[in-house]
Amino acid sequence: VMTTVTTIKENADDILADAKEINAKR
């Protein structure tokens, strides 16, 4: 479960960083 949670958290962090980058470009 902790491995899965870590993977999900890393993916969420990547998504957040990409979203911030998109908003900065816009």
PDB file of all heavy atoms in Angstrom:
ATOM      1  N   VAL A   1       0.836  -1.201   0.000  1.00  0.00           N
ATOM      2  CA  VAL A   1       0.000   0.000   0.000  1.00  0.00           C
ATOM      3  C   VAL A   1       0.872   1.254   0.000  1.00  0.00           C
ATOM      4  O   VAL A   1       0.608   2.208  -0.741  1.00  0.00           O
ATOM      5  CB  VAL A   1      -0.959  -0.004   1.212  1.00  0.00           C
ATOM      6  CG1 VAL A   1      -1.615   1.350   1.412  1.00  0.00           C
ATOM      7  CG2 VAL A   1      -2.020  -1.076   1.039  1.00  0.00           C
ATOM      8  N   MET A   2       1.937   1.247   0.798  1.00  0.00           N
ATOM      9  CA  MET A   2       2.808   2.423   0.853  1.00  0.00           C
ATOM     10  C   MET A   2       3.519   2.646  -0.476  1.00  0.00           C
ATOM     11  O   MET A   2       3.717   3.788  -0.893  1.00  0.00           O
ATOM     12  CB  MET A   2       3.820   2.281   1.999  1.00  0.00           C
ATOM     13  CG  MET A   2       3.184   2.336   3.378  1.00  0.00           C
ATOM     14  SD  MET A   2       2.091   3.744   3.646  1.00  0.00           S
ATOM     15  CE  MET A   2       3.229   5.093   3.544  1.00  0.00           C
ATOM     16  N   THR A   3       3.892   1.578  -1.167  1.00  0.00           N
ATOM     17  CA  THR A   3       4.502   1.713  -2.489  1.00  0.00           C
ATOM     18  C   THR A   3       3.517   2.350  -3.463  1.00  0.00           C
ATOM     19  O   THR A   3       3.865   3.257  -4.223  1.00  0.00           O
ATOM     20  CB  THR A   3       4.954   0.334  -3.016  1.00  0.00           C
ATOM     21  OG1 THR A   3       5.898  -0.219  -2.097  1.00  0.00           O
ATOM     22  CG2 THR A   3       5.581   0.436  -4.385  1.00  0.00           C
ATOM     23  N   THR A   4       2.276   1.893  -3.418  1.00  0.00           N
ATOM     24  CA  THR A   4       1.240   2.453  -4.292  1.00  0.00           C
ATOM     25  C   THR A   4       0.984   3.919  -3.967  1.00  0.00           C
ATOM     26  O   THR A   4       0.873   4.753  -4.868  1.00  0.00           O
ATOM     27  CB  THR A   4      -0.059   1.638  -4.159  1.00  0.00           C
ATOM     28  OG1 THR A   4       0.219   0.276  -4.469  1.00  0.00           O
ATOM     29  CG2 THR A   4      -1.136   2.167  -5.070  1.00  0.00           C
ATOM     30  N   VAL A   5       0.925   4.245  -2.685  1.00  0.00           N
ATOM     31  CA  VAL A   5       0.697   5.634  -2.272  1.00  0.00           C
ATOM     32  C   VAL A   5       1.840   6.523  -2.750  1.00  0.00           C
ATOM     33  O   VAL A   5       1.610   7.631  -3.243  1.00  0.00           O
ATOM     34  CB  VAL A   5       0.533   5.719  -0.732  1.00  0.00           C
ATOM     35  CG1 VAL A   5       0.625   7.151  -0.242  1.00  0.00           C
ATOM     36  CG2 VAL A   5      -0.787   5.104  -0.306  1.00  0.00           C
ATOM     37  N   THR A   6       3.067   6.045  -2.636  1.00  0.00           N
ATOM     38  CA  THR A   6       4.218   6.824  -3.086  1.00  0.00           C
ATOM     39  C   THR A   6       4.152   7.071  -4.585  1.00  0.00           C
ATOM     40  O   THR A   6       4.395   8.198  -5.052  1.00  0.00           O
ATOM     41  CB  THR A   6       5.528   6.084  -2.726  1.00  0.00           C
ATOM     42  OG1 THR A   6       5.569   5.912  -1.306  1.00  0.00           O
ATOM     43  CG2 THR A   6       6.740   6.858  -3.179  1.00  0.00           C
ATOM     44  N   THR A   7       3.791   6.047  -5.352  1.00  0.00           N
ATOM     45  CA  THR A   7       3.667   6.199  -6.806  1.00  0.00           C
ATOM     46  C   THR A   7       2.587   7.212  -7.157  1.00  0.00           C
ATOM     47  O   THR A   7       2.788   8.080  -8.016  1.00  0.00           O
ATOM     48  CB  THR A   7       3.347   4.835  -7.453  1.00  0.00           C
ATOM     49  OG1 THR A   7       4.378   3.914  -7.118  1.00  0.00           O
ATOM     50  CG2 THR A   7       3.225   4.952  -8.952  1.00  0.00           C
ATOM     51  N   ILE A   8       1.451   7.116  -6.495  1.00  0.00           N
ATOM     52  CA  ILE A   8       0.348   8.053  -6.759  1.00  0.00           C
ATOM     53  C   ILE A   8       0.772   9.474  -6.403  1.00  0.00           C
ATOM     54  O   ILE A   8       0.500  10.424  -7.143  1.00  0.00           O
ATOM     55  CB  ILE A   8      -0.911   7.637  -5.983  1.00  0.00           C
ATOM     56  CG1 ILE A   8      -1.481   6.349  -6.568  1.00  0.00           C
ATOM     57  CG2 ILE A   8      -1.955   8.734  -5.982  1.00  0.00           C
ATOM     58  CD1 ILE A   8      -2.596   5.731  -5.754  1.00  0.00           C
ATOM     59  N   LYS A   9       1.466   9.645  -5.279  1.00  0.00           N
ATOM     60  CA  LYS A   9       1.918  10.978  -4.871  1.00  0.00           C
ATOM     61  C   LYS A   9       2.898  11.556  -5.890  1.00  0.00           C
ATOM     62  O   LYS A   9       2.811  12.731  -6.247  1.00  0.00           O
ATOM     63  CB  LYS A   9       2.566  10.920  -3.493  1.00  0.00           C
ATOM     64  CG  LYS A   9       2.945  12.292  -2.963  1.00  0.00           C
ATOM     65  CD  LYS A   9       3.511  12.203  -1.582  1.00  0.00           C
ATOM     66  CE  LYS A   9       3.887  13.524  -0.990  1.00  0.00           C
ATOM     67  NZ  LYS A   9       4.369  14.539  -1.852  1.00  0.00           N
ATOM     68  N   GLU A  10       3.836  10.718  -6.368  1.00  0.00           N
ATOM     69  CA  GLU A  10       4.792  11.203  -7.374  1.00  0.00           C
ATOM     70  C   GLU A  10       4.071  11.613  -8.650  1.00  0.00           C
ATOM     71  O   GLU A  10       4.399  12.651  -9.240  1.00  0.00           O
ATOM     72  CB  GLU A  10       5.817  10.114  -7.671  1.00  0.00           C
ATOM     73  CG  GLU A  10       6.808   9.876  -6.545  1.00  0.00           C
ATOM     74  CD  GLU A  10       7.676   8.649  -6.764  1.00  0.00           C
ATOM     75  OE1 GLU A  10       7.451   7.905  -7.740  1.00  0.00           O
ATOM     76  OE2 GLU A  10       8.587   8.435  -5.944  1.00  0.00           O
ATOM     77  N   ASN A  11       3.090  10.824  -9.073  1.00  0.00           N
ATOM     78  CA  ASN A  11       2.321  11.181 -10.271  1.00  0.00           C
ATOM     79  C   ASN A  11       1.544  12.470 -10.055  1.00  0.00           C
ATOM     80  O   ASN A  11       1.457  13.319 -10.952  1.00  0.00           O
ATOM     81  CB  ASN A  11       1.376  10.042 -10.657  1.00  0.00           C
ATOM     82  CG  ASN A  11       2.121   8.854 -11.233  1.00  0.00           C
ATOM     83  OD1 ASN A  11       3.242   8.987 -11.710  1.00  0.00           O
ATOM     84  ND2 ASN A  11       1.508   7.696 -11.177  1.00  0.00           N
ATOM     85  N   ALA A  12       0.967  12.633  -8.885  1.00  0.00           N
ATOM     86  CA  ALA A  12       0.213  13.856  -8.586  1.00  0.00           C
ATOM     87  C   ALA A  12       1.139  15.064  -8.587  1.00  0.00           C
ATOM     88  O   ALA A  12       0.768  16.140  -9.086  1.00  0.00           O
ATOM     89  CB  ALA A  12      -0.497  13.729  -7.242  1.00  0.00           C
ATOM     90  N   ASP A  13       2.344  14.912  -8.052  1.00  0.00           N
ATOM     91  CA  ASP A  13       3.311  16.013  -8.061  1.00  0.00           C
ATOM     92  C   ASP A  13       3.698  16.382  -9.494  1.00  0.00           C
ATOM     93  O   ASP A  13       3.822  17.568  -9.827  1.00  0.00           O
ATOM     94  CB  ASP A  13       4.562  15.646  -7.258  1.00  0.00           C
ATOM     95  CG  ASP A  13       4.309  15.581  -5.756  1.00  0.00           C
ATOM     96  OD1 ASP A  13       3.286  16.147  -5.296  1.00  0.00           O
ATOM     97  OD2 ASP A  13       5.132  14.966  -5.049  1.00  0.00           O
ATOM     98  N   ASP A  14       3.889  15.366 -10.355  1.00  0.00           N
ATOM     99  CA  ASP A  14       4.209  15.632 -11.762  1.00  0.00           C
ATOM    100  C   ASP A  14       3.071  16.372 -12.456  1.00  0.00           C
ATOM    101  O   ASP A  14       3.289  17.320 -13.211  1.00  0.00           O
ATOM    102  CB  ASP A  14       4.496  14.325 -12.509  1.00  0.00           C
ATOM    103  CG  ASP A  14       5.791  13.669 -12.063  1.00  0.00           C
ATOM    104  OD1 ASP A  14       6.616  14.348 -11.417  1.00  0.00           O
ATOM    105  OD2 ASP A  14       5.967  12.461 -12.357  1.00  0.00           O
ATOM    106  N   ILE A  15       1.840  15.938 -12.192  1.00  0.00           N
ATOM    107  CA  ILE A  15       0.664  16.575 -12.798  1.00  0.00           C
ATOM    108  C   ILE A  15       0.568  18.028 -12.332  1.00  0.00           C
ATOM    109  O   ILE A  15       0.312  18.936 -13.134  1.00  0.00           O
ATOM    110  CB  ILE A  15      -0.616  15.791 -12.452  1.00  0.00           C
ATOM    111  CG1 ILE A  15      -0.601  14.444 -13.187  1.00  0.00           C
ATOM    112  CG2 ILE A  15      -1.868  16.587 -12.774  1.00  0.00           C
ATOM    113  CD1 ILE A  15      -1.667  13.475 -12.719  1.00  0.00           C
ATOM    114  N   LEU A  16       0.799  18.259 -11.045  1.00  0.00           N
ATOM    115  CA  LEU A  16       0.736  19.621 -10.513  1.00  0.00           C
ATOM    116  C   LEU A  16       1.798  20.508 -11.157  1.00  0.00           C
ATOM    117  O   LEU A  16       1.513  21.642 -11.551  1.00  0.00           O
ATOM    118  CB  LEU A  16       0.905  19.604  -8.992  1.00  0.00           C
ATOM    119  CG  LEU A  16       0.877  20.957  -8.302  1.00  0.00           C
ATOM    120  CD1 LEU A  16      -0.465  21.642  -8.513  1.00  0.00           C
ATOM    121  CD2 LEU A  16       1.165  20.797  -6.823  1.00  0.00           C
ATOM    122  N   ALA A  17       3.005  19.988 -11.291  1.00  0.00           N
ATOM    123  CA  ALA A  17       4.080  20.775 -11.916  1.00  0.00           C
ATOM    124  C   ALA A  17       3.737  21.085 -13.372  1.00  0.00           C
ATOM    125  O   ALA A  17       3.939  22.225 -13.834  1.00  0.00           O
ATOM    126  CB  ALA A  17       5.398  20.011 -11.834  1.00  0.00           C
ATOM    127  N   ASP A  18       3.210  20.101 -14.116  1.00  0.00           N
ATOM    128  CA  ASP A  18       2.818  20.337 -15.512  1.00  0.00           C
ATOM    129  C   ASP A  18       1.704  21.374 -15.601  1.00  0.00           C
ATOM    130  O   ASP A  18       1.715  22.236 -16.483  1.00  0.00           O
ATOM    131  CB  ASP A  18       2.379  19.033 -16.179  1.00  0.00           C
ATOM    132  CG  ASP A  18       3.532  18.069 -16.397  1.00  0.00           C
ATOM    133  OD1 ASP A  18       4.700  18.501 -16.325  1.00  0.00           O
ATOM    134  OD2 ASP A  18       3.253  16.873 -16.642  1.00  0.00           O
ATOM    135  N   ALA A  19       0.740  21.290 -14.697  1.00  0.00           N
ATOM    136  CA  ALA A  19      -0.374  22.243 -14.709  1.00  0.00           C
ATOM    137  C   ALA A  19       0.125  23.669 -14.427  1.00  0.00           C
ATOM    138  O   ALA A  19      -0.309  24.625 -15.078  1.00  0.00           O
ATOM    139  CB  ALA A  19      -1.423  21.840 -13.675  1.00  0.00           C
ATOM    140  N   LYS A  20       1.047  23.795 -13.494  1.00  0.00           N
ATOM    141  CA  LYS A  20       1.602  25.122 -13.200  1.00  0.00           C
ATOM    142  C   LYS A  20       2.353  25.664 -14.406  1.00  0.00           C
ATOM    143  O   LYS A  20       2.273  26.857 -14.711  1.00  0.00           O
ATOM    144  CB  LYS A  20       2.517  25.054 -11.985  1.00  0.00           C
ATOM    145  CG  LYS A  20       1.771  24.911 -10.677  1.00  0.00           C
ATOM    146  CD  LYS A  20       2.726  24.875  -9.502  1.00  0.00           C
ATOM    147  CE  LYS A  20       1.967  24.788  -8.193  1.00  0.00           C
ATOM    148  NZ  LYS A  20       2.867  24.763  -7.024  1.00  0.00           N
ATOM    149  N   GLU A  21       3.077  24.784 -15.097  1.00  0.00           N
ATOM    150  CA  GLU A  21       3.817  25.203 -16.295  1.00  0.00           C
ATOM    151  C   GLU A  21       2.854  25.662 -17.392  1.00  0.00           C
ATOM    152  O   GLU A  21       3.082  26.689 -18.040  1.00  0.00           O
ATOM    153  CB  GLU A  21       4.666  24.032 -16.804  1.00  0.00           C
ATOM    154  CG  GLU A  21       5.565  24.390 -17.951  1.00  0.00           C
ATOM    155  CD  GLU A  21       6.420  23.201 -18.381  1.00  0.00           C
ATOM    156  OE1 GLU A  21       6.801  22.408 -17.515  1.00  0.00           O
ATOM    157  OE2 GLU A  21       6.694  23.105 -19.594  1.00  0.00           O
ATOM    158  N   ILE A  22       1.771  24.936 -17.598  1.00  0.00           N
ATOM    159  CA  ILE A  22       0.762  25.317 -18.594  1.00  0.00           C
ATOM    160  C   ILE A  22       0.170  26.677 -18.247  1.00  0.00           C
ATOM    161  O   ILE A  22       0.026  27.553 -19.120  1.00  0.00           O
ATOM    162  CB  ILE A  22      -0.335  24.237 -18.694  1.00  0.00           C
ATOM    163  CG1 ILE A  22       0.232  22.978 -19.356  1.00  0.00           C
ATOM    164  CG2 ILE A  22      -1.548  24.749 -19.453  1.00  0.00           C
ATOM    165  CD1 ILE A  22      -0.687  21.766 -19.262  1.00  0.00           C
ATOM    166  N   ASN A  23      -0.165  26.880 -16.987  1.00  0.00           N
ATOM    167  CA  ASN A  23      -0.748  28.164 -16.572  1.00  0.00           C
ATOM    168  C   ASN A  23       0.252  29.305 -16.728  1.00  0.00           C
ATOM    169  O   ASN A  23      -0.128  30.417 -17.106  1.00  0.00           O
ATOM    170  CB  ASN A  23      -1.251  28.083 -15.130  1.00  0.00           C
ATOM    171  CG  ASN A  23      -2.568  27.340 -15.042  1.00  0.00           C
ATOM    172  OD1 ASN A  23      -3.285  27.204 -16.024  1.00  0.00           O
ATOM    173  ND2 ASN A  23      -2.871  26.833 -13.862  1.00  0.00           N
ATOM    174  N   ALA A  24       1.522  29.050 -16.467  1.00  0.00           N
ATOM    175  CA  ALA A  24       2.533  30.099 -16.635  1.00  0.00           C
ATOM    176  C   ALA A  24       2.670  30.475 -18.110  1.00  0.00           C
ATOM    177  O   ALA A  24       2.776  31.664 -18.448  1.00  0.00           O
ATOM    178  CB  ALA A  24       3.877  29.623 -16.084  1.00  0.00           C
ATOM    179  N   LYS A  25       2.653  29.470 -19.001  1.00  0.00           N
ATOM    180  CA  LYS A  25       2.726  29.753 -20.438  1.00  0.00           C
ATOM    181  C   LYS A  25       1.511  30.552 -20.903  1.00  0.00           C
ATOM    182  O   LYS A  25       1.637  31.496 -21.684  1.00  0.00           O
ATOM    183  CB  LYS A  25       2.824  28.450 -21.235  1.00  0.00           C
ATOM    184  CG  LYS A  25       4.176  27.805 -21.161  1.00  0.00           C
ATOM    185  CD  LYS A  25       4.206  26.512 -21.967  1.00  0.00           C
ATOM    186  CE  LYS A  25       5.551  25.824 -21.864  1.00  0.00           C
ATOM    187  NZ  LYS A  25       5.574  24.552 -22.593  1.00  0.00           N
ATOM    188  N   ARG A  26       0.326  30.163 -20.426  1.00  0.00           N
ATOM    189  CA  ARG A  26      -0.891  30.898 -20.813  1.00  0.00           C
ATOM    190  C   ARG A  26      -0.843  32.331 -20.332  1.00  0.00           C
ATOM    191  O   ARG A  26      -1.215  33.255 -21.049  1.00  0.00           O
ATOM    192  CB  ARG A  26      -2.144  30.209 -20.239  1.00  0.00           C
ATOM    193  CG  ARG A  26      -2.553  28.985 -21.008  1.00  0.00           C
ATOM    194  CD  ARG A  26      -3.809  28.432 -20.449  1.00  0.00           C
ATOM    195  NE  ARG A  26      -4.943  29.024 -21.151  1.00  0.00           N
ATOM    196  CZ  ARG A  26      -6.185  28.637 -20.983  1.00  0.00           C
ATOM    197  NH1 ARG A  26      -6.478  27.693 -20.122  1.00  0.00           N
ATOM    198  NH2 ARG A  26      -7.160  29.200 -21.663  1.00  0.00           N
TER     199      ARG A  26
END
